[in-house]
Amino acid sequence: TRRSRDYIRALPFRKCRLFAQIFPKANTLAVDFLTKTLTFDPKKHITVEEALAHPYLEAYHDPDDEPVAPPLDLEFFEFDLHKDDISREQLKELLYEEMV
């Protein structure tokens, strides 16, 4: 949301700490996987397909058994744009239906 982005941008700048420094004994492929998947900028982090094909997950990767869906429009995640589209009661009902 816009509030989340504003909050993050208001935080003081801190130089990032490398996972290899935080976890010096960790598997280098695991560190690479963490770095690539936990990159904050969605334009820079790896896709789901790239993550599944990462060498760290090689033992679990089966391209014949991993369905692919088209990416969601980024506007889908702009919750502030859609907050007035449904009433509070409609939202409660949708949440209830999703849980059942």
N, C-alpha and C. Protein backbone atom coordinates (compact mmCIF):
# COMPACT_ATOMS: atom_id res chain seq x y z
N THR A 1 0.84 -1.18 0.00
CA THR A 1 0.00 0.00 0.00
C THR A 1 0.88 1.25 0.00
N ARG A 2 0.25 2.34 -0.27
CA ARG A 2 0.98 3.61 -0.27
C ARG A 2 1.54 3.90 1.12
N ARG A 3 0.76 3.60 2.16
CA ARG A 3 1.24 3.83 3.54
C ARG A 3 2.49 3.01 3.83
N SER A 4 2.50 1.77 3.37
CA SER A 4 3.66 0.90 3.59
C SER A 4 4.89 1.46 2.89
N ARG A 5 4.71 1.88 1.65
CA ARG A 5 5.84 2.45 0.91
C ARG A 5 6.35 3.72 1.58
N ASP A 6 5.42 4.58 2.01
CA ASP A 6 5.82 5.82 2.68
C ASP A 6 6.58 5.52 3.97
N TYR A 7 6.13 4.51 4.70
CA TYR A 7 6.80 4.13 5.95
C TYR A 7 8.23 3.66 5.66
N ILE A 8 8.37 2.79 4.68
CA ILE A 8 9.70 2.27 4.33
C ILE A 8 10.61 3.40 3.88
N ARG A 9 10.09 4.29 3.07
CA ARG A 9 10.91 5.40 2.57
C ARG A 9 11.30 6.38 3.67
N ALA A 10 10.50 6.45 4.74
CA ALA A 10 10.79 7.37 5.84
C ALA A 10 11.86 6.81 6.79
N LEU A 11 12.14 5.53 6.70
CA LEU A 11 13.16 4.94 7.57
C LEU A 11 14.53 5.50 7.20
N PRO A 12 15.41 5.63 8.20
CA PRO A 12 16.75 6.13 7.88
C PRO A 12 17.51 5.14 7.00
N PHE A 13 18.38 5.67 6.16
CA PHE A 13 19.17 4.82 5.26
C PHE A 13 20.13 3.97 6.08
N ARG A 14 20.17 2.71 5.76
CA ARG A 14 21.15 1.80 6.37
C ARG A 14 21.76 0.97 5.26
N LYS A 15 23.06 0.87 5.30
CA LYS A 15 23.75 0.04 4.31
C LYS A 15 23.35 -1.41 4.57
N CYS A 16 23.06 -2.12 3.52
CA CYS A 16 22.62 -3.50 3.70
C CYS A 16 23.78 -4.37 4.18
N ARG A 17 23.40 -5.37 4.95
CA ARG A 17 24.39 -6.35 5.40
C ARG A 17 24.24 -7.57 4.50
N LEU A 18 25.34 -8.06 4.02
CA LEU A 18 25.31 -9.22 3.14
C LEU A 18 25.01 -10.48 3.95
N PHE A 19 24.18 -11.36 3.38
CA PHE A 19 23.86 -12.61 4.05
C PHE A 19 25.11 -13.44 4.32
N ALA A 20 26.08 -13.36 3.43
CA ALA A 20 27.32 -14.11 3.61
C ALA A 20 28.06 -13.65 4.86
N GLN A 21 27.91 -12.38 5.23
CA GLN A 21 28.52 -11.87 6.46
C GLN A 21 27.71 -12.28 7.69
N ILE A 22 26.41 -12.30 7.55
CA ILE A 22 25.54 -12.68 8.67
C ILE A 22 25.64 -14.18 8.94
N PHE A 23 25.71 -14.96 7.87
CA PHE A 23 25.78 -16.42 7.97
C PHE A 23 27.05 -16.93 7.28
N PRO A 24 28.21 -16.70 7.87
CA PRO A 24 29.46 -17.04 7.19
C PRO A 24 29.66 -18.53 6.91
N LYS A 25 28.98 -19.39 7.65
CA LYS A 25 29.16 -20.84 7.46
C LYS A 25 28.05 -21.45 6.60
N ALA A 26 27.16 -20.62 6.11
CA ALA A 26 26.03 -21.13 5.32
C ALA A 26 26.48 -21.56 3.93
N ASN A 27 25.72 -22.47 3.37
CA ASN A 27 25.92 -22.94 2.00
C ASN A 27 25.86 -21.73 1.06
N THR A 28 26.83 -21.61 0.17
CA THR A 28 26.88 -20.44 -0.73
C THR A 28 25.66 -20.38 -1.65
N LEU A 29 25.14 -21.54 -2.04
CA LEU A 29 23.93 -21.54 -2.87
C LEU A 29 22.73 -21.04 -2.07
N ALA A 30 22.67 -21.39 -0.78
CA ALA A 30 21.58 -20.92 0.07
C ALA A 30 21.65 -19.40 0.23
N VAL A 31 22.84 -18.88 0.42
CA VAL A 31 23.03 -17.44 0.55
C VAL A 31 22.62 -16.74 -0.75
N ASP A 32 23.02 -17.29 -1.87
CA ASP A 32 22.64 -16.72 -3.17
C ASP A 32 21.13 -16.74 -3.34
N PHE A 33 20.49 -17.85 -2.97
CA PHE A 33 19.04 -17.98 -3.08
C PHE A 33 18.34 -16.93 -2.21
N LEU A 34 18.78 -16.80 -0.96
CA LEU A 34 18.20 -15.79 -0.07
C LEU A 34 18.35 -14.39 -0.64
N THR A 35 19.53 -14.09 -1.10
CA THR A 35 19.80 -12.75 -1.64
C THR A 35 18.88 -12.44 -2.82
N LYS A 36 18.72 -13.40 -3.70
CA LYS A 36 17.91 -13.17 -4.89
C LYS A 36 16.41 -13.15 -4.61
N THR A 37 15.95 -13.91 -3.62
CA THR A 37 14.51 -13.95 -3.34
C THR A 37 14.07 -12.87 -2.37
N LEU A 38 14.97 -12.39 -1.52
CA LEU A 38 14.58 -11.39 -0.52
C LEU A 38 14.96 -9.97 -0.91
N THR A 39 15.27 -9.77 -2.16
CA THR A 39 15.51 -8.42 -2.65
C THR A 39 14.19 -7.66 -2.61
N PHE A 40 14.20 -6.49 -1.99
CA PHE A 40 12.96 -5.75 -1.75
C PHE A 40 12.31 -5.25 -3.04
N ASP A 41 13.10 -4.78 -3.96
CA ASP A 41 12.57 -4.21 -5.20
C ASP A 41 12.04 -5.33 -6.11
N PRO A 42 10.72 -5.35 -6.37
CA PRO A 42 10.15 -6.43 -7.19
C PRO A 42 10.71 -6.47 -8.61
N LYS A 43 11.26 -5.37 -9.08
CA LYS A 43 11.85 -5.35 -10.42
C LYS A 43 13.22 -6.03 -10.44
N LYS A 44 13.80 -6.22 -9.25
CA LYS A 44 15.15 -6.78 -9.18
C LYS A 44 15.19 -8.20 -8.64
N HIS A 45 14.18 -8.62 -7.87
CA HIS A 45 14.26 -9.98 -7.34
C HIS A 45 13.84 -11.00 -8.38
N ILE A 46 14.26 -12.25 -8.17
CA ILE A 46 14.01 -13.27 -9.18
C ILE A 46 12.54 -13.66 -9.21
N THR A 47 12.13 -14.19 -10.34
CA THR A 47 10.75 -14.64 -10.51
C THR A 47 10.57 -15.99 -9.82
N VAL A 48 9.33 -16.41 -9.71
CA VAL A 48 9.03 -17.72 -9.13
C VAL A 48 9.70 -18.81 -9.95
N GLU A 49 9.60 -18.71 -11.27
CA GLU A 49 10.21 -19.71 -12.14
C GLU A 49 11.72 -19.77 -11.94
N GLU A 50 12.35 -18.60 -11.82
CA GLU A 50 13.79 -18.56 -11.59
C GLU A 50 14.14 -19.14 -10.22
N ALA A 51 13.31 -18.85 -9.23
CA ALA A 51 13.55 -19.40 -7.89
C ALA A 51 13.45 -20.92 -7.89
N LEU A 52 12.43 -21.45 -8.55
CA LEU A 52 12.27 -22.91 -8.61
C LEU A 52 13.42 -23.58 -9.35
N ALA A 53 14.00 -22.88 -10.31
CA ALA A 53 15.10 -23.45 -11.09
C ALA A 53 16.47 -23.15 -10.47
N HIS A 54 16.49 -22.46 -9.34
CA HIS A 54 17.76 -22.11 -8.70
C HIS A 54 18.50 -23.38 -8.28
N PRO A 55 19.82 -23.42 -8.42
CA PRO A 55 20.59 -24.61 -8.06
C PRO A 55 20.39 -25.06 -6.61
N TYR A 56 20.08 -24.14 -5.70
CA TYR A 56 19.86 -24.54 -4.31
C TYR A 56 18.64 -25.46 -4.17
N LEU A 57 17.67 -25.32 -5.05
CA LEU A 57 16.46 -26.15 -5.00
C LEU A 57 16.48 -27.27 -6.03
N GLU A 58 17.63 -27.54 -6.58
CA GLU A 58 17.75 -28.52 -7.66
C GLU A 58 17.13 -29.87 -7.31
N ALA A 59 17.29 -30.33 -6.08
CA ALA A 59 16.76 -31.64 -5.69
C ALA A 59 15.24 -31.68 -5.73
N TYR A 60 14.60 -30.51 -5.64
CA TYR A 60 13.13 -30.45 -5.59
C TYR A 60 12.50 -29.96 -6.88
N HIS A 61 13.32 -29.51 -7.80
CA HIS A 61 12.83 -28.89 -9.04
C HIS A 61 12.40 -29.96 -10.05
N ASP A 62 11.16 -29.86 -10.49
CA ASP A 62 10.64 -30.75 -11.52
C ASP A 62 9.80 -29.92 -12.49
N PRO A 63 10.40 -29.43 -13.56
CA PRO A 63 9.67 -28.55 -14.48
C PRO A 63 8.42 -29.17 -15.07
N ASP A 64 8.35 -30.50 -15.09
CA ASP A 64 7.16 -31.16 -15.63
C ASP A 64 6.01 -31.18 -14.63
N ASP A 65 6.29 -30.83 -13.38
CA ASP A 65 5.26 -30.87 -12.34
C ASP A 65 5.15 -29.52 -11.62
N GLU A 66 5.40 -28.44 -12.34
CA GLU A 66 5.32 -27.10 -11.77
C GLU A 66 4.51 -26.21 -12.70
N PRO A 67 3.19 -26.16 -12.48
CA PRO A 67 2.36 -25.34 -13.37
C PRO A 67 2.74 -23.86 -13.28
N VAL A 68 2.58 -23.17 -14.38
CA VAL A 68 2.93 -21.75 -14.45
C VAL A 68 1.66 -20.97 -14.76
N ALA A 69 1.49 -19.87 -14.06
CA ALA A 69 0.34 -18.99 -14.30
C ALA A 69 0.87 -17.64 -14.78
N PRO A 70 0.06 -16.91 -15.53
CA PRO A 70 0.52 -15.58 -15.95
C PRO A 70 0.64 -14.67 -14.73
N PRO A 71 1.56 -13.72 -14.76
CA PRO A 71 1.73 -12.83 -13.60
C PRO A 71 0.50 -11.95 -13.40
N LEU A 72 0.26 -11.60 -12.15
CA LEU A 72 -0.83 -10.70 -11.83
C LEU A 72 -0.42 -9.28 -12.19
N ASP A 73 -1.40 -8.49 -12.58
CA ASP A 73 -1.16 -7.08 -12.84
C ASP A 73 -0.74 -6.43 -11.52
N LEU A 74 0.31 -5.62 -11.54
CA LEU A 74 0.78 -5.00 -10.30
C LEU A 74 -0.29 -4.15 -9.63
N GLU A 75 -1.24 -3.66 -10.41
CA GLU A 75 -2.33 -2.87 -9.84
C GLU A 75 -3.18 -3.71 -8.88
N PHE A 76 -3.18 -5.01 -9.06
CA PHE A 76 -3.92 -5.91 -8.18
C PHE A 76 -3.52 -5.71 -6.73
N PHE A 77 -2.26 -5.33 -6.50
CA PHE A 77 -1.75 -5.17 -5.15
C PHE A 77 -1.88 -3.74 -4.63
N GLU A 78 -2.47 -2.87 -5.40
CA GLU A 78 -2.70 -1.50 -4.95
C GLU A 78 -4.03 -1.46 -4.20
N PHE A 79 -4.00 -1.97 -2.97
CA PHE A 79 -5.23 -2.13 -2.20
C PHE A 79 -5.97 -0.82 -1.95
N ASP A 80 -5.23 0.27 -1.86
CA ASP A 80 -5.88 1.56 -1.64
C ASP A 80 -6.80 1.93 -2.80
N LEU A 81 -6.46 1.48 -4.00
CA LEU A 81 -7.30 1.79 -5.16
C LEU A 81 -8.64 1.06 -5.12
N HIS A 82 -8.68 -0.09 -4.45
CA HIS A 82 -9.87 -0.94 -4.47
C HIS A 82 -10.67 -0.91 -3.17
N LYS A 83 -10.22 -0.14 -2.19
CA LYS A 83 -10.85 -0.21 -0.87
C LYS A 83 -12.31 0.23 -0.87
N ASP A 84 -12.71 1.05 -1.81
CA ASP A 84 -14.10 1.53 -1.83
C ASP A 84 -14.98 0.73 -2.79
N ASP A 85 -14.44 -0.30 -3.42
CA ASP A 85 -15.20 -1.09 -4.39
C ASP A 85 -16.26 -1.97 -3.73
N ILE A 86 -16.02 -2.41 -2.51
CA ILE A 86 -16.98 -3.27 -1.82
C ILE A 86 -17.19 -2.75 -0.40
N SER A 87 -18.34 -3.11 0.15
CA SER A 87 -18.66 -2.67 1.51
C SER A 87 -17.93 -3.54 2.52
N ARG A 88 -17.94 -3.10 3.74
CA ARG A 88 -17.32 -3.86 4.83
C ARG A 88 -17.98 -5.23 4.97
N GLU A 89 -19.31 -5.26 4.85
CA GLU A 89 -20.04 -6.53 4.98
C GLU A 89 -19.70 -7.48 3.83
N GLN A 90 -19.57 -6.94 2.63
CA GLN A 90 -19.18 -7.77 1.48
C GLN A 90 -17.78 -8.35 1.69
N LEU A 91 -16.89 -7.54 2.22
CA LEU A 91 -15.54 -8.01 2.50
C LEU A 91 -15.56 -9.13 3.54
N LYS A 92 -16.35 -8.96 4.59
CA LYS A 92 -16.47 -10.01 5.62
C LYS A 92 -16.99 -11.30 5.00
N GLU A 93 -17.97 -11.18 4.14
CA GLU A 93 -18.55 -12.36 3.49
C GLU A 93 -17.51 -13.06 2.60
N LEU A 94 -16.77 -12.28 1.83
CA LEU A 94 -15.73 -12.85 0.97
C LEU A 94 -14.65 -13.56 1.80
N LEU A 95 -14.26 -12.94 2.89
CA LEU A 95 -13.26 -13.57 3.77
C LEU A 95 -13.81 -14.87 4.37
N TYR A 96 -15.06 -14.83 4.79
CA TYR A 96 -15.68 -16.04 5.35
C TYR A 96 -15.72 -17.16 4.31
N GLU A 97 -16.15 -16.83 3.10
CA GLU A 97 -16.24 -17.84 2.03
C GLU A 97 -14.86 -18.42 1.71
N GLU A 98 -13.84 -17.57 1.77
CA GLU A 98 -12.49 -18.04 1.49
C GLU A 98 -12.01 -19.03 2.56
N MET A 99 -12.44 -18.81 3.79
CA MET A 99 -12.00 -19.67 4.89
C MET A 99 -12.71 -21.02 4.91
N VAL A 100 -13.94 -21.07 4.39
CA VAL A 100 -14.71 -22.32 4.47
C VAL A 100 -14.35 -23.29 3.41
